Amino acid sequence: MSSSKATPPTLSLPHAGGRGSVAPVHSRTASDPAPPSPRVGEGGGGGAPPGQLSRRLVLAGPLALAACGFTPAYAPGGGADRLVGTIWVQDPTDKNAFDLVERLEERLGRPRDIRYDLAFTITTEAVGVGITTDNKITRFNLKGVIDYTLTERASGARVAGGRVQSFTAYSATGSTVAGLAAEEDAATRLMRLLADQIVARLIAASATWS
């Protein structure tokens, strides 16, 4: 008896069509290595490379939003576009208010076609958070709260308003001059953060009144 294994028979299609015979089928044993997995974009799916998919999604996104009737806030005719140059912010009376107004006008533009007036009240508090063993404060959190109201100039009606709050931090480990400079810088950063919050809320609410 021969020790060689018998060759599996070749299967032929039962109908004519020019395809020819089907290749022999071999069963895989547990010791055989598993076939490699196809990479993204290969195999029967025929998918596009990841980079192309990302670009397609980015390009298709605005079209899908437009089809749903949604207008991005910063698109032409969006909430941000309608507010630019239309808001008069109250005159600043101190350094914090000056920094706040400066940032608001950076975001909303200088008033030229005034339709609204924005009034605000600023409250800040420095809280020591780093204390040494001899009770010296080495670090402060500067907390800030702003209450704001937006009114329509023509009618005097309140159209938006609310409260925003945030905090920044500064070190007090250097000289007196360095500490004062660090505190002033923290206050400037705080006012800019709060101004950005106000602008974001005005843009979000503008669809209902602008």
N, C-alpha and C. Protein backbone atom coordinates (compact mmCIF):
# COMPACT_ATOMS: atom_id res chain seq x y z
N MET A 1 0.86 -1.20 0.00
CA MET A 1 0.00 0.00 0.00
C MET A 1 0.88 1.23 0.00
N SER A 2 0.55 2.19 -0.84
CA SER A 2 1.35 3.42 -0.93
C SER A 2 1.04 4.31 0.27
N SER A 3 2.12 5.01 0.80
CA SER A 3 1.95 5.90 1.96
C SER A 3 1.55 7.31 1.58
N SER A 4 1.54 7.65 0.30
CA SER A 4 1.17 9.01 -0.13
C SER A 4 -0.31 9.21 -0.02
N LYS A 5 -0.69 10.46 0.29
CA LYS A 5 -2.11 10.80 0.42
C LYS A 5 -2.73 10.98 -0.95
N ALA A 6 -3.99 10.65 -1.05
CA ALA A 6 -4.69 10.79 -2.32
C ALA A 6 -5.00 12.24 -2.58
N THR A 7 -4.86 12.67 -3.84
CA THR A 7 -5.14 14.05 -4.24
C THR A 7 -6.64 14.24 -4.34
N PRO A 8 -7.19 15.30 -3.68
CA PRO A 8 -8.64 15.52 -3.75
C PRO A 8 -9.08 15.71 -5.18
N PRO A 9 -10.23 15.21 -5.50
CA PRO A 9 -10.72 15.34 -6.89
C PRO A 9 -11.03 16.80 -7.22
N THR A 10 -10.91 17.12 -8.50
CA THR A 10 -11.27 18.44 -8.99
C THR A 10 -12.74 18.47 -9.30
N LEU A 11 -13.43 19.53 -8.74
CA LEU A 11 -14.87 19.65 -8.94
C LEU A 11 -15.14 20.48 -10.18
N SER A 12 -16.04 20.01 -10.99
CA SER A 12 -16.41 20.73 -12.20
C SER A 12 -17.80 21.29 -12.05
N LEU A 13 -18.03 22.46 -12.63
CA LEU A 13 -19.36 23.06 -12.60
C LEU A 13 -20.33 22.19 -13.39
N PRO A 14 -21.54 22.08 -12.89
CA PRO A 14 -22.50 21.20 -13.55
C PRO A 14 -23.11 21.80 -14.78
N HIS A 15 -22.70 23.00 -15.18
CA HIS A 15 -23.30 23.60 -16.36
C HIS A 15 -22.20 24.24 -17.18
N ALA A 16 -22.48 24.46 -18.40
CA ALA A 16 -21.50 25.07 -19.31
C ALA A 16 -21.60 26.57 -19.20
N GLY A 17 -20.47 27.23 -19.21
CA GLY A 17 -20.50 28.68 -19.16
C GLY A 17 -19.11 29.21 -19.35
N GLY A 18 -18.16 28.33 -19.67
CA GLY A 18 -16.82 28.82 -19.94
C GLY A 18 -16.02 29.08 -18.71
N ARG A 19 -16.51 28.79 -17.51
CA ARG A 19 -15.78 29.06 -16.28
C ARG A 19 -14.70 28.03 -16.02
N GLY A 20 -14.84 26.81 -16.52
CA GLY A 20 -13.85 25.78 -16.27
C GLY A 20 -14.08 25.12 -14.93
N SER A 21 -13.11 24.39 -14.46
CA SER A 21 -13.24 23.64 -13.20
C SER A 21 -12.87 24.51 -12.00
N VAL A 22 -13.42 24.12 -10.83
CA VAL A 22 -13.16 24.81 -9.57
C VAL A 22 -11.91 24.23 -8.95
N ALA A 23 -11.03 25.09 -8.37
CA ALA A 23 -9.78 24.63 -7.76
C ALA A 23 -10.07 23.72 -6.60
N PRO A 24 -9.17 22.75 -6.32
CA PRO A 24 -9.38 21.84 -5.19
C PRO A 24 -9.50 22.61 -3.88
N VAL A 25 -10.34 22.11 -2.99
CA VAL A 25 -10.57 22.71 -1.69
C VAL A 25 -9.87 21.88 -0.63
N HIS A 26 -8.97 22.48 0.16
CA HIS A 26 -8.24 21.76 1.20
C HIS A 26 -8.75 22.22 2.55
N SER A 27 -8.98 21.32 3.44
CA SER A 27 -9.40 21.68 4.81
C SER A 27 -8.17 22.10 5.61
N ARG A 28 -8.30 23.16 6.46
CA ARG A 28 -7.21 23.68 7.25
C ARG A 28 -7.22 23.03 8.62
N THR A 29 -6.04 22.55 9.03
CA THR A 29 -5.92 21.92 10.34
C THR A 29 -5.57 22.96 11.39
N ALA A 30 -5.61 22.60 12.67
CA ALA A 30 -5.33 23.55 13.76
C ALA A 30 -3.91 24.03 13.74
N SER A 31 -2.99 23.23 13.12
CA SER A 31 -1.58 23.63 13.10
C SER A 31 -1.25 24.60 11.98
N ASP A 32 -2.16 24.75 11.02
CA ASP A 32 -1.91 25.67 9.91
C ASP A 32 -2.07 27.12 10.38
N PRO A 33 -1.21 28.04 9.86
CA PRO A 33 -1.34 29.46 10.29
C PRO A 33 -2.60 30.09 9.75
N ALA A 34 -3.18 31.02 10.54
CA ALA A 34 -4.39 31.71 10.11
C ALA A 34 -4.07 32.67 8.98
N PRO A 35 -4.98 32.86 8.02
CA PRO A 35 -4.73 33.80 6.92
C PRO A 35 -4.67 35.22 7.44
N PRO A 36 -3.84 36.08 6.85
CA PRO A 36 -3.73 37.47 7.34
C PRO A 36 -5.01 38.23 7.13
N SER A 37 -5.32 39.17 8.08
CA SER A 37 -6.51 40.00 7.95
C SER A 37 -6.25 41.10 6.93
N PRO A 38 -7.25 41.42 6.10
CA PRO A 38 -7.05 42.49 5.10
C PRO A 38 -6.95 43.84 5.77
N ARG A 39 -6.16 44.76 5.23
CA ARG A 39 -6.06 46.12 5.73
C ARG A 39 -7.29 46.92 5.32
N VAL A 40 -7.48 48.06 5.97
CA VAL A 40 -8.61 48.92 5.61
C VAL A 40 -8.46 49.34 4.17
N GLY A 41 -9.53 49.16 3.40
CA GLY A 41 -9.49 49.54 2.00
C GLY A 41 -9.16 48.39 1.09
N GLU A 42 -8.77 47.20 1.65
CA GLU A 42 -8.47 46.04 0.85
C GLU A 42 -9.59 45.03 1.00
N GLY A 43 -9.54 44.01 0.16
CA GLY A 43 -10.51 42.93 0.26
C GLY A 43 -11.76 43.24 -0.52
N GLY A 44 -12.80 42.43 -0.27
CA GLY A 44 -14.01 42.53 -1.06
C GLY A 44 -14.78 43.81 -0.84
N GLY A 45 -14.56 44.49 0.31
CA GLY A 45 -15.34 45.70 0.57
C GLY A 45 -15.00 46.83 -0.35
N GLY A 46 -13.74 46.88 -0.83
CA GLY A 46 -13.36 47.94 -1.76
C GLY A 46 -13.42 49.31 -1.13
N GLY A 47 -13.23 49.44 0.21
CA GLY A 47 -13.35 50.74 0.88
C GLY A 47 -12.21 51.66 0.51
N ALA A 48 -12.45 52.97 0.72
CA ALA A 48 -11.43 53.96 0.43
C ALA A 48 -10.45 54.05 1.58
N PRO A 49 -9.23 54.52 1.34
CA PRO A 49 -8.27 54.72 2.43
C PRO A 49 -8.83 55.67 3.47
N PRO A 50 -8.37 55.58 4.74
CA PRO A 50 -8.91 56.42 5.82
C PRO A 50 -8.86 57.90 5.52
N GLY A 51 -7.79 58.37 4.90
CA GLY A 51 -7.67 59.80 4.61
C GLY A 51 -8.76 60.29 3.68
N GLN A 52 -9.07 59.46 2.66
CA GLN A 52 -10.12 59.85 1.73
C GLN A 52 -11.48 59.87 2.41
N LEU A 53 -11.72 58.87 3.31
CA LEU A 53 -12.98 58.85 4.04
C LEU A 53 -13.15 60.09 4.88
N SER A 54 -12.08 60.51 5.59
CA SER A 54 -12.16 61.69 6.44
C SER A 54 -12.48 62.94 5.62
N ARG A 55 -11.81 63.08 4.47
CA ARG A 55 -12.07 64.26 3.63
C ARG A 55 -13.49 64.26 3.12
N ARG A 56 -14.00 63.08 2.77
CA ARG A 56 -15.37 63.01 2.27
C ARG A 56 -16.38 63.40 3.35
N LEU A 57 -16.12 62.94 4.59
CA LEU A 57 -17.02 63.29 5.69
C LEU A 57 -17.00 64.78 5.96
N VAL A 58 -15.81 65.39 5.92
CA VAL A 58 -15.69 66.84 6.17
C VAL A 58 -16.44 67.63 5.11
N LEU A 59 -16.31 67.20 3.85
CA LEU A 59 -16.98 67.91 2.76
C LEU A 59 -18.47 67.70 2.78
N ALA A 60 -18.90 66.50 3.19
CA ALA A 60 -20.33 66.21 3.17
C ALA A 60 -21.05 66.76 4.39
N GLY A 61 -20.31 67.03 5.49
CA GLY A 61 -20.95 67.49 6.72
C GLY A 61 -21.79 68.75 6.55
N PRO A 62 -21.23 69.87 6.01
CA PRO A 62 -22.02 71.09 5.85
C PRO A 62 -23.25 70.89 4.98
N LEU A 63 -23.15 70.01 3.95
CA LEU A 63 -24.30 69.76 3.09
C LEU A 63 -25.41 69.08 3.87
N ALA A 64 -25.02 68.12 4.72
CA ALA A 64 -26.02 67.43 5.52
C ALA A 64 -26.69 68.39 6.50
N LEU A 65 -25.91 69.29 7.13
CA LEU A 65 -26.48 70.26 8.06
C LEU A 65 -27.43 71.21 7.36
N ALA A 66 -27.02 71.66 6.17
CA ALA A 66 -27.88 72.57 5.41
C ALA A 66 -29.19 71.89 5.03
N ALA A 67 -29.12 70.60 4.67
CA ALA A 67 -30.33 69.87 4.30
C ALA A 67 -31.30 69.76 5.46
N CYS A 68 -30.76 69.77 6.70
CA CYS A 68 -31.61 69.68 7.89
C CYS A 68 -32.12 71.04 8.33
N GLY A 69 -31.75 72.11 7.63
CA GLY A 69 -32.19 73.44 8.00
C GLY A 69 -31.35 74.09 9.07
N PHE A 70 -30.20 73.52 9.40
CA PHE A 70 -29.31 74.07 10.43
C PHE A 70 -28.26 74.96 9.80
N THR A 71 -28.10 76.18 10.33
CA THR A 71 -27.11 77.11 9.82
C THR A 71 -25.99 77.26 10.84
N PRO A 72 -24.73 76.91 10.50
CA PRO A 72 -23.63 77.07 11.45
C PRO A 72 -23.53 78.51 11.94
N ALA A 73 -23.18 78.70 13.21
CA ALA A 73 -23.18 80.03 13.82
C ALA A 73 -22.24 80.99 13.10
N TYR A 74 -21.10 80.50 12.60
CA TYR A 74 -20.11 81.38 11.99
C TYR A 74 -20.20 81.40 10.47
N ALA A 75 -21.24 80.79 9.92
CA ALA A 75 -21.44 80.84 8.47
C ALA A 75 -22.05 82.19 8.10
N PRO A 76 -21.93 82.61 6.83
CA PRO A 76 -22.59 83.85 6.41
C PRO A 76 -24.09 83.77 6.70
N GLY A 77 -24.60 84.79 7.39
CA GLY A 77 -26.00 84.78 7.76
C GLY A 77 -26.29 84.06 9.06
N GLY A 78 -25.26 83.44 9.68
CA GLY A 78 -25.44 82.75 10.95
C GLY A 78 -25.53 83.74 12.10
N GLY A 79 -25.67 83.21 13.32
CA GLY A 79 -25.84 84.07 14.49
C GLY A 79 -24.69 85.02 14.70
N ALA A 80 -23.46 84.54 14.54
CA ALA A 80 -22.29 85.40 14.75
C ALA A 80 -22.24 86.50 13.70
N ASP A 81 -22.55 86.15 12.48
CA ASP A 81 -22.49 87.13 11.39
C ASP A 81 -23.51 88.25 11.59
N ARG A 82 -24.69 87.90 12.11
CA ARG A 82 -25.74 88.91 12.31
C ARG A 82 -25.43 89.86 13.46
N LEU A 83 -24.59 89.43 14.41
CA LEU A 83 -24.30 90.26 15.57
C LEU A 83 -23.13 91.22 15.36
N VAL A 84 -22.30 90.94 14.39
CA VAL A 84 -21.09 91.73 14.20
C VAL A 84 -21.44 93.20 13.95
N GLY A 85 -20.88 94.08 14.77
CA GLY A 85 -21.06 95.52 14.59
C GLY A 85 -22.38 96.07 15.05
N THR A 86 -23.22 95.24 15.71
CA THR A 86 -24.56 95.70 16.10
C THR A 86 -24.70 95.94 17.60
N ILE A 87 -23.66 95.64 18.41
CA ILE A 87 -23.78 95.71 19.86
C ILE A 87 -22.88 96.81 20.43
N TRP A 88 -23.51 97.70 21.18
CA TRP A 88 -22.74 98.72 21.91
C TRP A 88 -22.52 98.22 23.33
N VAL A 89 -21.25 98.03 23.72
CA VAL A 89 -20.92 97.57 25.06
C VAL A 89 -20.71 98.81 25.94
N GLN A 90 -21.22 98.76 27.17
CA GLN A 90 -21.12 99.92 28.05
C GLN A 90 -19.66 100.34 28.24
N ASP A 91 -19.45 101.62 28.46
CA ASP A 91 -18.10 102.15 28.61
C ASP A 91 -17.40 101.56 29.83
N PRO A 92 -16.15 101.18 29.70
CA PRO A 92 -15.41 100.63 30.85
C PRO A 92 -15.04 101.71 31.85
N THR A 93 -14.98 101.31 33.13
CA THR A 93 -14.63 102.26 34.18
C THR A 93 -13.39 101.84 34.97
N ASP A 94 -12.87 100.64 34.72
CA ASP A 94 -11.66 100.19 35.39
C ASP A 94 -10.91 99.21 34.48
N LYS A 95 -9.78 98.70 34.95
CA LYS A 95 -8.94 97.83 34.13
C LYS A 95 -9.66 96.55 33.71
N ASN A 96 -10.37 95.92 34.64
CA ASN A 96 -11.09 94.70 34.29
C ASN A 96 -12.13 94.95 33.21
N ALA A 97 -12.90 96.03 33.37
CA ALA A 97 -13.92 96.35 32.38
C ALA A 97 -13.29 96.69 31.03
N PHE A 98 -12.16 97.38 31.05
CA PHE A 98 -11.47 97.71 29.81
C PHE A 98 -11.05 96.43 29.07
N ASP A 99 -10.48 95.47 29.81
CA ASP A 99 -10.06 94.21 29.18
C ASP A 99 -11.26 93.43 28.65
N LEU A 100 -12.36 93.47 29.39
CA LEU A 100 -13.57 92.78 28.95
C LEU A 100 -14.11 93.39 27.66
N VAL A 101 -14.26 94.71 27.63
CA VAL A 101 -14.79 95.39 26.45
C VAL A 101 -13.88 95.19 25.25
N GLU A 102 -12.59 95.24 25.48
CA GLU A 102 -11.64 95.03 24.38
C GLU A 102 -11.84 93.67 23.74
N ARG A 103 -11.98 92.63 24.56
CA ARG A 103 -12.18 91.29 24.01
C ARG A 103 -13.54 91.14 23.34
N LEU A 104 -14.57 91.72 23.92
CA LEU A 104 -15.90 91.65 23.30
C LEU A 104 -15.89 92.30 21.92
N GLU A 105 -15.21 93.43 21.79
CA GLU A 105 -15.16 94.10 20.50
C GLU A 105 -14.27 93.36 19.51
N GLU A 106 -13.27 92.63 20.01
CA GLU A 106 -12.49 91.77 19.12
C GLU A 106 -13.38 90.69 18.51
N ARG A 107 -14.29 90.16 19.30
CA ARG A 107 -15.14 89.07 18.84
C ARG A 107 -16.36 89.56 18.07
N LEU A 108 -16.95 90.66 18.53
CA LEU A 108 -18.21 91.13 17.94
C LEU A 108 -18.03 92.31 16.99
N GLY A 109 -16.83 92.88 16.94
CA GLY A 109 -16.59 94.02 16.07
C GLY A 109 -16.95 95.33 16.75
N ARG A 110 -16.32 96.41 16.29
CA ARG A 110 -16.67 97.74 16.82
C ARG A 110 -18.07 98.10 16.37
N PRO A 111 -18.87 98.74 17.23
CA PRO A 111 -20.25 99.07 16.86
C PRO A 111 -20.31 100.08 15.72
N ARG A 112 -21.10 99.77 14.71
CA ARG A 112 -21.28 100.67 13.57
C ARG A 112 -22.74 100.77 13.15
N ASP A 113 -23.48 99.67 13.29
CA ASP A 113 -24.92 99.66 13.01
C ASP A 113 -25.62 99.18 14.27
N ILE A 114 -25.68 100.07 15.27
CA ILE A 114 -26.05 99.67 16.63
C ILE A 114 -27.53 99.32 16.71
N ARG A 115 -27.79 98.11 17.20
CA ARG A 115 -29.16 97.64 17.44
C ARG A 115 -29.37 97.21 18.89
N TYR A 116 -28.27 96.91 19.59
CA TYR A 116 -28.38 96.39 20.95
C TYR A 116 -27.39 97.08 21.87
N ASP A 117 -27.73 97.10 23.17
CA ASP A 117 -26.83 97.62 24.21
C ASP A 117 -26.53 96.50 25.20
N LEU A 118 -25.25 96.34 25.52
CA LEU A 118 -24.83 95.31 26.46
C LEU A 118 -24.31 95.95 27.74
N ALA A 119 -24.99 95.67 28.84
CA ALA A 119 -24.57 96.17 30.16
C ALA A 119 -24.05 94.99 30.98
N PHE A 120 -23.14 95.29 31.91
CA PHE A 120 -22.54 94.20 32.69
C PHE A 120 -22.10 94.70 34.05
N THR A 121 -21.94 93.75 34.97
CA THR A 121 -21.40 94.00 36.30
C THR A 121 -20.36 92.93 36.59
N ILE A 122 -19.14 93.36 36.96
CA ILE A 122 -18.03 92.43 37.19
C ILE A 122 -17.76 92.29 38.69
N THR A 123 -17.58 91.06 39.14
CA THR A 123 -17.18 90.79 40.52
C THR A 123 -16.00 89.82 40.50
N THR A 124 -14.93 90.15 41.19
CA THR A 124 -13.77 89.26 41.26
C THR A 124 -13.37 89.04 42.71
N GLU A 125 -12.69 87.91 42.94
CA GLU A 125 -12.21 87.58 44.28
C GLU A 125 -10.96 86.72 44.17
N ALA A 126 -9.90 87.11 44.88
CA ALA A 126 -8.67 86.32 44.92
C ALA A 126 -8.70 85.42 46.15
N VAL A 127 -8.48 84.12 45.92
CA VAL A 127 -8.54 83.13 47.00
C VAL A 127 -7.20 82.40 47.09
N GLY A 128 -6.57 82.43 48.24
CA GLY A 128 -5.31 81.74 48.42
C GLY A 128 -5.48 80.23 48.41
N VAL A 129 -4.68 79.54 47.57
CA VAL A 129 -4.80 78.08 47.47
C VAL A 129 -3.48 77.38 47.78
N GLY A 130 -2.39 78.11 47.84
CA GLY A 130 -1.09 77.53 48.18
C GLY A 130 -0.54 78.20 49.42
N ILE A 131 -0.42 77.47 50.52
CA ILE A 131 0.02 78.05 51.79
C ILE A 131 1.19 77.25 52.33
N THR A 132 2.23 77.94 52.71
CA THR A 132 3.42 77.27 53.26
C THR A 132 3.22 76.95 54.73
N THR A 133 4.19 76.26 55.31
CA THR A 133 4.10 75.89 56.73
C THR A 133 4.13 77.10 57.66
N ASP A 134 4.69 78.22 57.17
CA ASP A 134 4.69 79.44 57.99
C ASP A 134 3.56 80.39 57.58
N ASN A 135 2.49 79.80 56.97
CA ASN A 135 1.26 80.53 56.64
C ASN A 135 1.44 81.64 55.61
N LYS A 136 2.37 81.47 54.71
CA LYS A 136 2.51 82.41 53.59
C LYS A 136 1.80 81.85 52.37
N ILE A 137 1.03 82.69 51.73
CA ILE A 137 0.28 82.26 50.53
C ILE A 137 1.19 82.37 49.31
N THR A 138 1.32 81.27 48.59
CA THR A 138 2.22 81.23 47.43
C THR A 138 1.47 81.19 46.10
N ARG A 139 0.17 80.94 46.15
CA ARG A 139 -0.60 80.86 44.91
C ARG A 139 -2.04 81.27 45.17
N PHE A 140 -2.62 81.97 44.18
CA PHE A 140 -4.00 82.45 44.29
C PHE A 140 -4.81 81.95 43.10
N ASN A 141 -6.07 81.69 43.36
CA ASN A 141 -7.07 81.54 42.31
C ASN A 141 -7.85 82.84 42.23
N LEU A 142 -7.96 83.40 41.03
CA LEU A 142 -8.73 84.63 40.83
C LEU A 142 -10.06 84.25 40.20
N LYS A 143 -11.11 84.37 41.01
CA LYS A 143 -12.46 84.01 40.54
C LYS A 143 -13.16 85.26 39.99
N GLY A 144 -13.93 85.05 38.95
CA GLY A 144 -14.66 86.16 38.35
C GLY A 144 -16.08 85.78 37.98
N VAL A 145 -17.00 86.71 38.22
CA VAL A 145 -18.41 86.52 37.86
C VAL A 145 -18.88 87.78 37.14
N ILE A 146 -19.58 87.59 36.03
CA ILE A 146 -20.14 88.73 35.30
C ILE A 146 -21.63 88.50 35.07
N ASP A 147 -22.45 89.44 35.50
CA ASP A 147 -23.87 89.46 35.16
C ASP A 147 -24.04 90.43 33.98
N TYR A 148 -24.71 89.98 32.95
CA TYR A 148 -24.84 90.82 31.75
C TYR A 148 -26.29 90.83 31.27
N THR A 149 -26.63 91.92 30.59
CA THR A 149 -27.97 92.07 30.01
C THR A 149 -27.85 92.72 28.64
N LEU A 150 -28.52 92.15 27.66
CA LEU A 150 -28.55 92.72 26.31
C LEU A 150 -29.96 93.21 26.03
N THR A 151 -30.07 94.49 25.68
CA THR A 151 -31.38 95.07 25.39
C THR A 151 -31.41 95.61 23.97
N GLU A 152 -32.59 95.59 23.39
CA GLU A 152 -32.77 96.16 22.05
C GLU A 152 -32.89 97.67 22.18
N ARG A 153 -32.06 98.38 21.45
CA ARG A 153 -32.02 99.84 21.61
C ARG A 153 -33.33 100.49 21.21
N ALA A 154 -33.97 100.03 20.16
CA ALA A 154 -35.18 100.68 19.66
C ALA A 154 -36.35 100.54 20.63
N SER A 155 -36.50 99.37 21.23
CA SER A 155 -37.66 99.13 22.10
C SER A 155 -37.32 99.12 23.58
N GLY A 156 -36.05 98.97 23.92
CA GLY A 156 -35.65 98.85 25.32
C GLY A 156 -35.95 97.50 25.92
N ALA A 157 -36.37 96.54 25.09
CA ALA A 157 -36.72 95.21 25.58
C ALA A 157 -35.47 94.39 25.83
N ARG A 158 -35.51 93.62 26.90
CA ARG A 158 -34.40 92.71 27.21
C ARG A 158 -34.51 91.49 26.28
N VAL A 159 -33.45 91.21 25.54
CA VAL A 159 -33.49 90.09 24.60
C VAL A 159 -32.59 88.93 25.04
N ALA A 160 -31.64 89.20 25.92
CA ALA A 160 -30.75 88.14 26.41
C ALA A 160 -30.09 88.60 27.69
N GLY A 161 -29.56 87.68 28.44
CA GLY A 161 -28.86 88.02 29.68
C GLY A 161 -28.55 86.77 30.47
N GLY A 162 -27.75 86.96 31.50
CA GLY A 162 -27.40 85.82 32.33
C GLY A 162 -26.14 86.08 33.13
N ARG A 163 -25.52 85.00 33.55
CA ARG A 163 -24.31 85.08 34.38
C ARG A 163 -23.27 84.11 33.84
N VAL A 164 -22.03 84.56 33.78
CA VAL A 164 -20.92 83.70 33.41
C VAL A 164 -19.88 83.77 34.52
N GLN A 165 -19.12 82.71 34.69
CA GLN A 165 -18.10 82.70 35.73
C GLN A 165 -16.96 81.77 35.34
N SER A 166 -15.77 82.09 35.83
CA SER A 166 -14.59 81.28 35.56
C SER A 166 -13.51 81.70 36.56
N PHE A 167 -12.31 81.14 36.40
CA PHE A 167 -11.21 81.55 37.27
C PHE A 167 -9.88 81.32 36.56
N THR A 168 -8.88 82.03 36.99
CA THR A 168 -7.50 81.83 36.56
C THR A 168 -6.64 81.76 37.82
N ALA A 169 -5.36 81.51 37.67
CA ALA A 169 -4.47 81.38 38.83
C ALA A 169 -3.17 82.12 38.57
N TYR A 170 -2.52 82.50 39.67
CA TYR A 170 -1.21 83.15 39.54
C TYR A 170 -0.37 82.86 40.78
N SER A 171 0.93 82.95 40.59
CA SER A 171 1.88 82.66 41.67
C SER A 171 2.26 83.94 42.41
N ALA A 172 2.50 83.81 43.70
CA ALA A 172 2.90 84.96 44.52
C ALA A 172 4.22 84.69 45.23
N THR A 173 5.10 83.93 44.57
CA THR A 173 6.35 83.54 45.22
C THR A 173 7.51 84.49 44.92
N GLY A 174 7.35 85.38 43.96
CA GLY A 174 8.44 86.27 43.59
C GLY A 174 8.40 87.56 44.39
N SER A 175 8.98 88.60 43.80
CA SER A 175 8.99 89.91 44.43
C SER A 175 7.60 90.53 44.39
N THR A 176 7.47 91.66 45.08
CA THR A 176 6.18 92.35 45.09
C THR A 176 5.79 92.79 43.68
N VAL A 177 6.75 93.30 42.94
CA VAL A 177 6.48 93.75 41.57
C VAL A 177 6.07 92.57 40.70
N ALA A 178 6.77 91.44 40.84
CA ALA A 178 6.44 90.26 40.05
C ALA A 178 5.06 89.73 40.42
N GLY A 179 4.73 89.79 41.71
CA GLY A 179 3.41 89.33 42.15
C GLY A 179 2.29 90.18 41.58
N LEU A 180 2.50 91.51 41.57
CA LEU A 180 1.49 92.40 41.01
C LEU A 180 1.31 92.17 39.50
N ALA A 181 2.43 91.95 38.81
CA ALA A 181 2.36 91.69 37.37
C ALA A 181 1.63 90.38 37.10
N ALA A 182 1.89 89.36 37.91
CA ALA A 182 1.22 88.07 37.74
C ALA A 182 -0.28 88.21 38.00
N GLU A 183 -0.65 88.99 39.01
CA GLU A 183 -2.07 89.20 39.31
C GLU A 183 -2.77 89.93 38.17
N GLU A 184 -2.11 90.94 37.62
CA GLU A 184 -2.70 91.69 36.51
C GLU A 184 -2.88 90.81 35.27
N ASP A 185 -1.89 89.97 35.02
CA ASP A 185 -1.99 89.06 33.88
C ASP A 185 -3.13 88.07 34.07
N ALA A 186 -3.28 87.55 35.29
CA ALA A 186 -4.36 86.62 35.57
C ALA A 186 -5.73 87.28 35.38
N ALA A 187 -5.83 88.56 35.79
CA ALA A 187 -7.08 89.29 35.63
C ALA A 187 -7.41 89.51 34.16
N THR A 188 -6.40 89.81 33.35
CA THR A 188 -6.63 90.00 31.92
C THR A 188 -7.12 88.71 31.28
N ARG A 189 -6.46 87.60 31.62
CA ARG A 189 -6.87 86.31 31.07
C ARG A 189 -8.28 85.96 31.50
N LEU A 190 -8.62 86.28 32.74
CA LEU A 190 -9.95 85.99 33.25
C LEU A 190 -11.02 86.77 32.49
N MET A 191 -10.78 88.05 32.25
CA MET A 191 -11.77 88.85 31.52
C MET A 191 -11.95 88.36 30.09
N ARG A 192 -10.90 87.90 29.47
CA ARG A 192 -11.01 87.38 28.11
C ARG A 192 -11.79 86.06 28.08
N LEU A 193 -11.57 85.22 29.09
CA LEU A 193 -12.35 83.98 29.18
C LEU A 193 -13.84 84.28 29.36
N LEU A 194 -14.14 85.22 30.24
CA LEU A 194 -15.54 85.56 30.49
C LEU A 194 -16.18 86.23 29.28
N ALA A 195 -15.43 87.05 28.59
CA ALA A 195 -15.95 87.67 27.37
C ALA A 195 -16.30 86.62 26.33
N ASP A 196 -15.44 85.62 26.18
CA ASP A 196 -15.71 84.55 25.21
C ASP A 196 -16.97 83.78 25.59
N GLN A 197 -17.20 83.59 26.89
CA GLN A 197 -18.42 82.91 27.33
C GLN A 197 -19.65 83.73 26.98
N ILE A 198 -19.58 85.03 27.19
CA ILE A 198 -20.71 85.91 26.87
C ILE A 198 -21.02 85.85 25.38
N VAL A 199 -19.99 85.94 24.57
CA VAL A 199 -20.19 85.91 23.11
C VAL A 199 -20.82 84.58 22.69
N ALA A 200 -20.32 83.47 23.24
CA ALA A 200 -20.87 82.17 22.89
C ALA A 200 -22.36 82.09 23.22
N ARG A 201 -22.74 82.64 24.37
CA ARG A 201 -24.16 82.60 24.77
C ARG A 201 -25.02 83.52 23.90
N LEU A 202 -24.48 84.67 23.55
CA LEU A 202 -25.24 85.58 22.69
C LEU A 202 -25.47 84.97 21.32
N ILE A 203 -24.44 84.32 20.79
CA ILE A 203 -24.58 83.69 19.47
C ILE A 203 -25.61 82.56 19.53
N ALA A 204 -25.54 81.76 20.60
CA ALA A 204 -26.48 80.64 20.72
C ALA A 204 -27.92 81.13 20.84
N ALA A 205 -28.12 82.28 21.52
CA ALA A 205 -29.48 82.78 21.72
C ALA A 205 -29.95 83.67 20.59
N SER A 206 -29.07 84.10 19.71
CA SER A 206 -29.44 85.11 18.71
C SER A 206 -30.46 84.62 17.71
N ALA A 207 -30.56 83.32 17.51
CA ALA A 207 -31.53 82.80 16.53
C ALA A 207 -32.96 83.15 16.89
N THR A 208 -33.21 83.39 18.17
CA THR A 208 -34.59 83.66 18.61
C THR A 208 -34.96 85.14 18.59
N TRP A 209 -33.96 86.04 18.43
CA TRP A 209 -34.29 87.46 18.49
C TRP A 209 -33.57 88.32 17.49
N SER A 210 -32.60 87.83 16.75
CA SER A 210 -31.91 88.70 15.79
C SER A 210 -32.43 88.49 14.38
